[in-house]
Amino acid sequence: MSSVVISTRVRLARNLKGYPFPCKLSQQGREEVIEKVRDAVKNGNSVLADDFSYIKMSALDPIQGVSLVERRLVSPEFISDNDGRALLLSSDESLSIMLNEEDHIRLQVITKGLSLEQAYDTADKLDTLLDERLEFAFDKRLGYLTQCPTNLGTGMRASVMLHLPALEKSRAISRIAGNLSKLGLTIRGAHGEGTEPKGALYQLSNQVTLGISEKAAIENLKNITAQLVAQEEQARERLCKSDEVKDTIARSLGILKYALVISHDEALNLLSNVRLGVVSGQITEIGVDVIDKLMTDVEPATLSVNAKKSLSPHERDIERAKLIQQTIN
């Protein structure tokens, strides 16, 4: 399924008992929440404790914050107001804890490919680590209490990142989205709510958190993902027989190899075409993991962060082309 499913993410929302939600929390209260969670992680009985770095959001410049969003480590909302917010991030960036976003704690685990049970198991262990030293806001009837009612219950959002070029080209996505909503799932752009899909990247996630267990939600998402993967693979089989599509893939690789200036949207579209060529066997000299990493590394702010300097839009387009050439040639 790695030909279609790029990554898995499981996120848990938690709030501390005795504190207002972040939207009503004073500056002092925000600092207290941050210190309580930091202490719970640092002094928790787990090997994970020493793996987290602490990032005070107000200490980051805007480009660094946007890069965190591009790498899907934090939400766009989290960087909209850095005051009284912090991030705990593991060294391999697979675990992150946003502090004082919409909820006091947004715990997130990202893994490669389709690995929902593994991602949930890691998130659950980290959640247990925190629960041993903190008291979460919990109601016997409603479950975990969250600022937004749509997160009540498990407080869990599980999602998979999908590459769906064939279904996109066949214009089946809108029909699929309508059917998914009836099943308690939603499909959006790669960065979640309010974002448009680029490079045929889509995020499929659960919507229902109340009246359903974490295990049931994970199983439902896993089953629907398997059906979507099957549909995409069938559509690809038909699509990749076309000489026109084969030519598009070959031309895309040629542009990526030799272009001196490439815009963000063009890069994602070309990389999407090349990824289709890699997984279909037309392109054999590049691995799919290389393309997946490039799809993040070519993002505007991430380019500037990796270059360790602020880049103008034109400079980014030049830097993007250089990065792609160095990576795939």
Protein backbone atom coordinates (compact mmCIF):
# COMPACT_ATOMS: atom_id res chain seq x y z
CA MET A 1 0.00 0.00 0.00
CA SER A 2 3.04 2.30 0.19
CA SER A 3 2.44 3.07 -3.49
CA VAL A 4 -0.70 4.96 -2.40
CA VAL A 5 -0.43 5.57 1.36
CA ILE A 6 2.46 7.90 2.18
CA SER A 7 2.06 8.27 5.94
CA THR A 8 -0.22 7.76 8.93
CA ARG A 9 -0.99 10.24 11.69
CA VAL A 10 -2.79 9.82 15.01
CA ARG A 11 -3.56 12.89 17.13
CA LEU A 12 -5.03 13.01 20.64
CA ALA A 13 -6.60 16.13 22.20
CA ARG A 14 -6.40 16.47 25.99
CA ASN A 15 -7.07 19.22 28.55
CA LEU A 16 -5.97 19.58 32.15
CA LYS A 17 -8.64 19.48 34.83
CA GLY A 18 -8.99 22.76 36.73
CA TYR A 19 -7.83 25.03 33.88
CA PRO A 20 -10.02 26.88 31.35
CA PHE A 21 -9.58 25.98 27.70
CA PRO A 22 -6.73 27.92 26.03
CA CYS A 23 -9.11 30.50 24.51
CA LYS A 24 -10.00 31.61 28.07
CA LEU A 25 -6.66 30.89 29.71
CA SER A 26 -4.52 33.70 31.13
CA GLN A 27 -0.86 34.09 30.26
CA GLN A 28 0.08 32.76 33.67
CA GLY A 29 -2.25 29.82 33.18
CA ARG A 30 -0.69 29.03 29.82
CA GLU A 31 2.78 29.01 31.34
CA GLU A 32 1.57 26.73 34.13
CA VAL A 33 0.12 24.27 31.64
CA ILE A 34 3.35 24.25 29.65
CA GLU A 35 5.46 23.61 32.75
CA LYS A 36 3.15 20.85 34.01
CA VAL A 37 3.30 19.00 30.68
CA ARG A 38 7.06 19.51 30.33
CA ASP A 39 7.57 18.10 33.80
CA ALA A 40 5.29 15.14 33.05
CA VAL A 41 7.31 14.28 29.95
CA LYS A 42 10.74 14.95 31.44
CA ASN A 43 10.14 13.03 34.67
CA GLY A 44 7.88 10.34 33.26
CA ASN A 45 8.85 6.71 33.57
CA SER A 46 9.63 6.22 29.87
CA VAL A 47 12.57 6.07 27.48
CA LEU A 48 10.73 8.71 25.46
CA ALA A 49 11.41 11.34 28.12
CA ASP A 50 14.93 12.21 26.97
CA ASP A 51 14.03 12.27 23.27
CA PHE A 52 12.01 15.51 23.29
CA SER A 53 13.30 18.99 22.61
CA TYR A 54 11.41 22.02 23.89
CA ILE A 55 10.54 24.84 21.49
CA LYS A 56 9.01 28.06 22.71
CA MET A 57 6.95 29.28 19.78
CA SER A 58 7.55 32.97 20.49
CA ALA A 59 11.28 32.32 19.98
CA LEU A 60 10.78 31.17 16.39
CA ASP A 61 10.71 33.51 13.43
CA PRO A 62 7.65 33.25 11.14
CA ILE A 63 9.46 31.22 8.46
CA GLN A 64 10.46 28.56 10.99
CA GLY A 65 6.85 28.35 12.16
CA VAL A 66 5.50 27.95 8.63
CA SER A 67 8.06 25.23 7.96
CA LEU A 68 6.68 23.28 10.93
CA VAL A 69 3.24 23.46 9.30
CA GLU A 70 4.65 22.39 5.93
CA ARG A 71 6.25 19.36 7.59
CA ARG A 72 2.86 18.63 9.23
CA LEU A 73 4.35 18.85 12.72
CA VAL A 74 1.94 21.58 13.87
CA SER A 75 -1.34 23.05 12.67
CA PRO A 76 -1.72 26.40 10.87
CA GLU A 77 -3.78 27.56 13.86
CA PHE A 78 -0.89 26.82 16.21
CA ILE A 79 1.44 29.34 14.55
CA SER A 80 -1.23 32.04 14.14
CA ASP A 81 -0.59 33.22 17.70
CA ASN A 82 2.73 32.21 19.30
CA ASP A 83 2.02 33.83 22.67
CA GLY A 84 1.94 31.26 25.48
CA ARG A 85 2.43 28.32 23.16
CA ALA A 86 5.17 25.69 23.01
CA LEU A 87 6.10 22.52 21.18
CA LEU A 88 7.71 19.31 22.39
CA LEU A 89 9.29 17.52 19.45
CA SER A 90 11.09 14.18 19.25
CA SER A 91 14.50 14.00 17.57
CA ASP A 92 13.15 12.12 14.53
CA GLU A 93 10.07 14.39 14.38
CA SER A 94 7.71 11.40 14.56
CA LEU A 95 6.26 12.59 17.90
CA SER A 96 5.10 16.11 18.68
CA ILE A 97 3.06 17.73 21.42
CA MET A 98 1.47 21.12 20.76
CA LEU A 99 0.79 23.01 23.98
CA ASN A 100 -2.05 25.56 24.22
CA GLU A 101 -3.37 25.27 20.69
CA GLU A 102 -7.18 24.78 20.64
CA ASP A 103 -6.69 22.38 23.57
CA HIS A 104 -4.00 22.31 26.26
CA ILE A 105 -2.41 19.24 24.67
CA ARG A 106 -2.40 18.08 21.06
CA LEU A 107 -0.32 14.91 21.00
CA GLN A 108 0.63 13.67 17.52
CA VAL A 109 2.36 10.60 16.09
CA ILE A 110 3.40 10.30 12.42
CA THR A 111 4.59 7.03 10.87
CA LYS A 112 5.44 5.97 7.32
CA GLY A 113 2.97 4.05 5.15
CA LEU A 114 -0.27 2.57 6.45
CA SER A 115 0.43 1.82 10.12
CA LEU A 116 -2.64 2.95 12.06
CA GLU A 117 -2.32 0.40 14.88
CA GLN A 118 1.39 1.20 15.36
CA ALA A 119 0.77 4.96 15.38
CA TYR A 120 -2.12 4.63 17.82
CA ASP A 121 -0.12 2.31 20.10
CA THR A 122 2.69 4.90 20.31
CA ALA A 123 0.22 7.74 20.91
CA ASP A 124 -1.54 5.69 23.59
CA LYS A 125 1.75 5.01 25.40
CA LEU A 126 2.64 8.71 25.38
CA ASP A 127 -0.88 9.55 26.54
CA THR A 128 -0.52 7.06 29.41
CA LEU A 129 2.83 8.60 30.33
CA LEU A 130 1.19 12.02 30.65
CA ASP A 131 -1.88 10.63 32.43
CA GLU A 132 0.32 9.18 35.17
CA ARG A 133 1.40 12.68 36.23
CA LEU A 134 -1.47 14.89 35.03
CA GLU A 135 -5.22 14.90 35.61
CA PHE A 136 -7.15 15.22 32.38
CA ALA A 137 -10.59 16.80 32.06
CA PHE A 138 -12.87 13.78 31.64
CA ASP A 139 -16.58 13.08 31.92
CA LYS A 140 -17.99 9.56 32.32
CA ARG A 141 -20.71 10.23 29.75
CA LEU A 142 -18.92 12.53 27.29
CA GLY A 143 -15.38 11.18 27.54
CA TYR A 144 -12.41 13.54 27.19
CA LEU A 145 -13.54 17.16 27.32
CA THR A 146 -12.32 19.38 24.50
CA GLN A 147 -12.83 22.99 23.48
CA CYS A 148 -14.50 21.98 20.20
CA PRO A 149 -17.52 19.66 20.68
CA THR A 150 -16.56 17.71 17.55
CA ASN A 151 -13.54 16.29 19.43
CA LEU A 152 -15.49 15.15 22.52
CA GLY A 153 -15.21 11.48 23.44
CA THR A 154 -11.97 9.87 22.38
CA GLY A 155 -10.40 13.20 21.39
CA MET A 156 -8.71 11.20 18.62
CA ARG A 157 -8.20 12.15 14.98
CA ALA A 158 -6.55 9.50 12.85
CA SER A 159 -5.59 10.18 9.25
CA VAL A 160 -3.68 8.76 6.31
CA MET A 161 -1.87 10.75 3.61
CA LEU A 162 -2.79 9.40 0.19
CA HIS A 163 -1.40 9.94 -3.30
CA LEU A 164 -4.41 9.68 -5.64
CA PRO A 165 -3.36 10.87 -9.11
CA ALA A 166 -5.50 8.38 -11.02
CA LEU A 167 -8.70 9.06 -9.08
CA GLU A 168 -8.01 12.79 -9.37
CA LYS A 169 -7.52 12.60 -13.14
CA SER A 170 -10.74 10.59 -13.50
CA ARG A 171 -12.57 13.27 -11.45
CA ALA A 172 -13.84 10.70 -8.98
CA ILE A 173 -12.71 12.54 -5.84
CA SER A 174 -15.86 14.67 -5.37
CA ARG A 175 -18.09 11.59 -5.60
CA ILE A 176 -15.85 9.71 -3.17
CA ALA A 177 -15.84 12.65 -0.74
CA GLY A 178 -19.64 12.64 -0.63
CA ASN A 179 -19.76 8.92 0.13
CA LEU A 180 -17.05 9.20 2.80
CA SER A 181 -18.97 11.84 4.76
CA LYS A 182 -21.82 9.33 5.20
CA LEU A 183 -19.31 6.93 6.77
CA GLY A 184 -17.99 9.46 9.31
CA LEU A 185 -14.82 10.24 7.34
CA THR A 186 -13.57 13.27 5.42
CA ILE A 187 -11.02 13.76 2.65
CA ARG A 188 -9.14 17.08 2.31
CA GLY A 189 -5.93 18.61 1.08
CA ALA A 190 -2.62 17.46 2.54
CA HIS A 191 -2.63 20.08 5.32
CA GLY A 192 -6.15 19.30 6.50
CA GLU A 193 -9.22 21.47 6.90
CA GLY A 194 -9.47 24.40 4.51
CA THR A 195 -6.56 23.36 2.28
CA GLU A 196 -6.71 22.49 -1.41
CA PRO A 197 -5.01 19.29 -2.65
CA LYS A 198 -1.76 19.80 -4.56
CA GLY A 199 0.34 17.13 -6.19
CA ALA A 200 -2.65 14.75 -5.87
CA LEU A 201 -1.99 14.52 -2.12
CA TYR A 202 -5.04 13.98 0.07
CA GLN A 203 -5.63 13.51 3.79
CA LEU A 204 -8.32 10.99 4.78
CA SER A 205 -9.40 11.19 8.43
CA ASN A 206 -12.13 10.21 10.87
CA GLN A 207 -14.74 12.78 11.93
CA VAL A 208 -16.62 10.91 14.65
CA THR A 209 -15.06 10.88 18.13
CA LEU A 210 -18.13 10.58 20.38
CA GLY A 211 -19.87 7.26 20.99
CA ILE A 212 -17.15 5.19 19.29
CA SER A 213 -13.99 3.59 20.65
CA GLU A 214 -10.52 4.37 19.39
CA LYS A 215 -10.19 0.79 18.14
CA ALA A 216 -13.45 1.00 16.16
CA ALA A 217 -12.46 4.36 14.63
CA ILE A 218 -9.05 2.98 13.62
CA GLU A 219 -10.60 -0.15 12.11
CA ASN A 220 -13.15 1.88 10.15
CA LEU A 221 -10.46 4.16 8.74
CA LYS A 222 -8.26 1.19 7.90
CA ASN A 223 -11.05 -0.58 6.00
CA ILE A 224 -12.05 2.52 4.01
CA THR A 225 -8.40 3.23 3.22
CA ALA A 226 -8.02 -0.29 1.82
CA GLN A 227 -11.05 0.30 -0.44
CA LEU A 228 -9.67 3.64 -1.65
CA VAL A 229 -6.27 2.09 -2.32
CA ALA A 230 -7.93 -0.65 -4.40
CA GLN A 231 -9.87 1.94 -6.43
CA GLU A 232 -6.73 4.03 -7.01
CA GLU A 233 -4.69 0.98 -8.08
CA GLN A 234 -7.39 -0.11 -10.54
CA ALA A 235 -7.60 3.40 -11.97
CA ARG A 236 -3.78 3.56 -12.25
CA GLU A 237 -3.67 0.29 -14.15
CA ARG A 238 -5.96 1.74 -16.80
CA LEU A 239 -4.32 5.16 -16.77
CA CYS A 240 -0.73 3.98 -17.13
CA LYS A 241 -1.49 2.08 -20.31
CA SER A 242 -2.00 5.39 -22.06
CA ASP A 243 0.90 6.62 -24.20
CA GLU A 244 -0.11 10.17 -23.34
CA VAL A 245 0.27 9.48 -19.61
CA LYS A 246 3.59 7.69 -20.14
CA ASP A 247 4.80 10.70 -22.10
CA THR A 248 3.65 13.08 -19.33
CA ILE A 249 5.62 11.05 -16.78
CA ALA A 250 8.76 11.04 -18.93
CA ARG A 251 8.51 14.77 -19.66
CA SER A 252 7.98 15.51 -15.96
CA LEU A 253 11.16 13.66 -15.06
CA GLY A 254 13.06 15.54 -17.77
CA ILE A 255 11.92 18.93 -16.48
CA LEU A 256 12.81 18.02 -12.89
CA LYS A 257 16.27 16.86 -13.97
CA TYR A 258 17.19 19.92 -16.00
CA ALA A 259 15.00 22.93 -15.15
CA LEU A 260 16.83 25.83 -13.49
CA VAL A 261 13.74 27.51 -12.02
CA ILE A 262 10.69 25.63 -10.66
CA SER A 263 7.70 27.09 -8.80
CA HIS A 264 6.14 25.32 -5.82
CA ASP A 265 2.94 24.19 -7.54
CA GLU A 266 4.78 23.07 -10.67
CA ALA A 267 7.23 21.05 -8.58
CA LEU A 268 4.45 19.23 -6.73
CA ASN A 269 2.60 18.42 -9.95
CA LEU A 270 5.78 17.16 -11.64
CA LEU A 271 6.81 15.14 -8.57
CA SER A 272 3.31 13.65 -8.47
CA ASN A 273 3.67 12.52 -12.09
CA VAL A 274 7.12 11.07 -11.43
CA ARG A 275 5.87 9.26 -8.31
CA LEU A 276 3.20 7.63 -10.46
CA GLY A 277 5.96 6.60 -12.88
CA VAL A 278 8.04 5.13 -10.05
CA VAL A 279 5.26 3.02 -8.50
CA SER A 280 4.04 1.86 -11.93
CA GLY A 281 7.54 0.67 -12.90
CA GLN A 282 8.10 3.16 -15.71
CA ILE A 283 10.86 4.90 -13.73
CA THR A 284 13.28 2.55 -11.98
CA GLU A 285 16.26 4.75 -11.05
CA ILE A 286 14.48 6.69 -8.25
CA GLY A 287 12.93 5.33 -5.05
CA VAL A 288 9.45 6.35 -3.92
CA ASP A 289 10.84 7.48 -0.53
CA VAL A 290 13.04 10.01 -2.34
CA ILE A 291 10.01 11.54 -4.06
CA ASP A 292 7.99 11.57 -0.84
CA LYS A 293 10.73 13.47 0.98
CA LEU A 294 11.10 15.96 -1.87
CA MET A 295 7.39 16.72 -1.74
CA THR A 296 8.00 18.19 1.72
CA ASP A 297 11.48 19.62 1.17
CA VAL A 298 10.36 21.77 -1.80
CA GLU A 299 7.86 23.68 0.36
CA PRO A 300 8.66 27.45 0.44
CA ALA A 301 9.44 27.99 4.12
CA THR A 302 11.21 24.66 4.51
CA LEU A 303 13.53 25.61 1.62
CA SER A 304 14.47 28.82 3.46
CA VAL A 305 14.98 27.01 6.78
CA ASN A 306 17.23 24.39 5.18
CA ALA A 307 19.15 27.13 3.32
CA LYS A 308 19.58 28.92 6.69
CA LYS A 309 18.60 32.26 5.17
CA SER A 310 15.54 34.15 4.00
CA LEU A 311 14.88 33.61 0.29
CA SER A 312 12.83 35.72 -2.08
CA PRO A 313 10.18 33.90 -4.17
CA HIS A 314 12.50 33.83 -7.20
CA GLU A 315 15.45 32.63 -5.10
CA ARG A 316 13.24 29.85 -3.71
CA ASP A 317 12.33 28.73 -7.23
CA ILE A 318 16.04 28.52 -8.11
CA GLU A 319 16.90 26.75 -4.83
CA ARG A 320 14.01 24.32 -5.38
CA ALA A 321 15.29 23.38 -8.84
CA LYS A 322 18.85 22.88 -7.47
CA LEU A 323 17.58 20.66 -4.64
CA ILE A 324 15.56 18.47 -7.00
CA GLN A 325 18.49 18.12 -9.44
CA GLN A 326 20.93 17.19 -6.66
CA THR A 327 18.48 14.64 -5.28
CA ILE A 328 17.34 12.78 -8.40
CA ASN A 329 20.32 13.04 -10.78
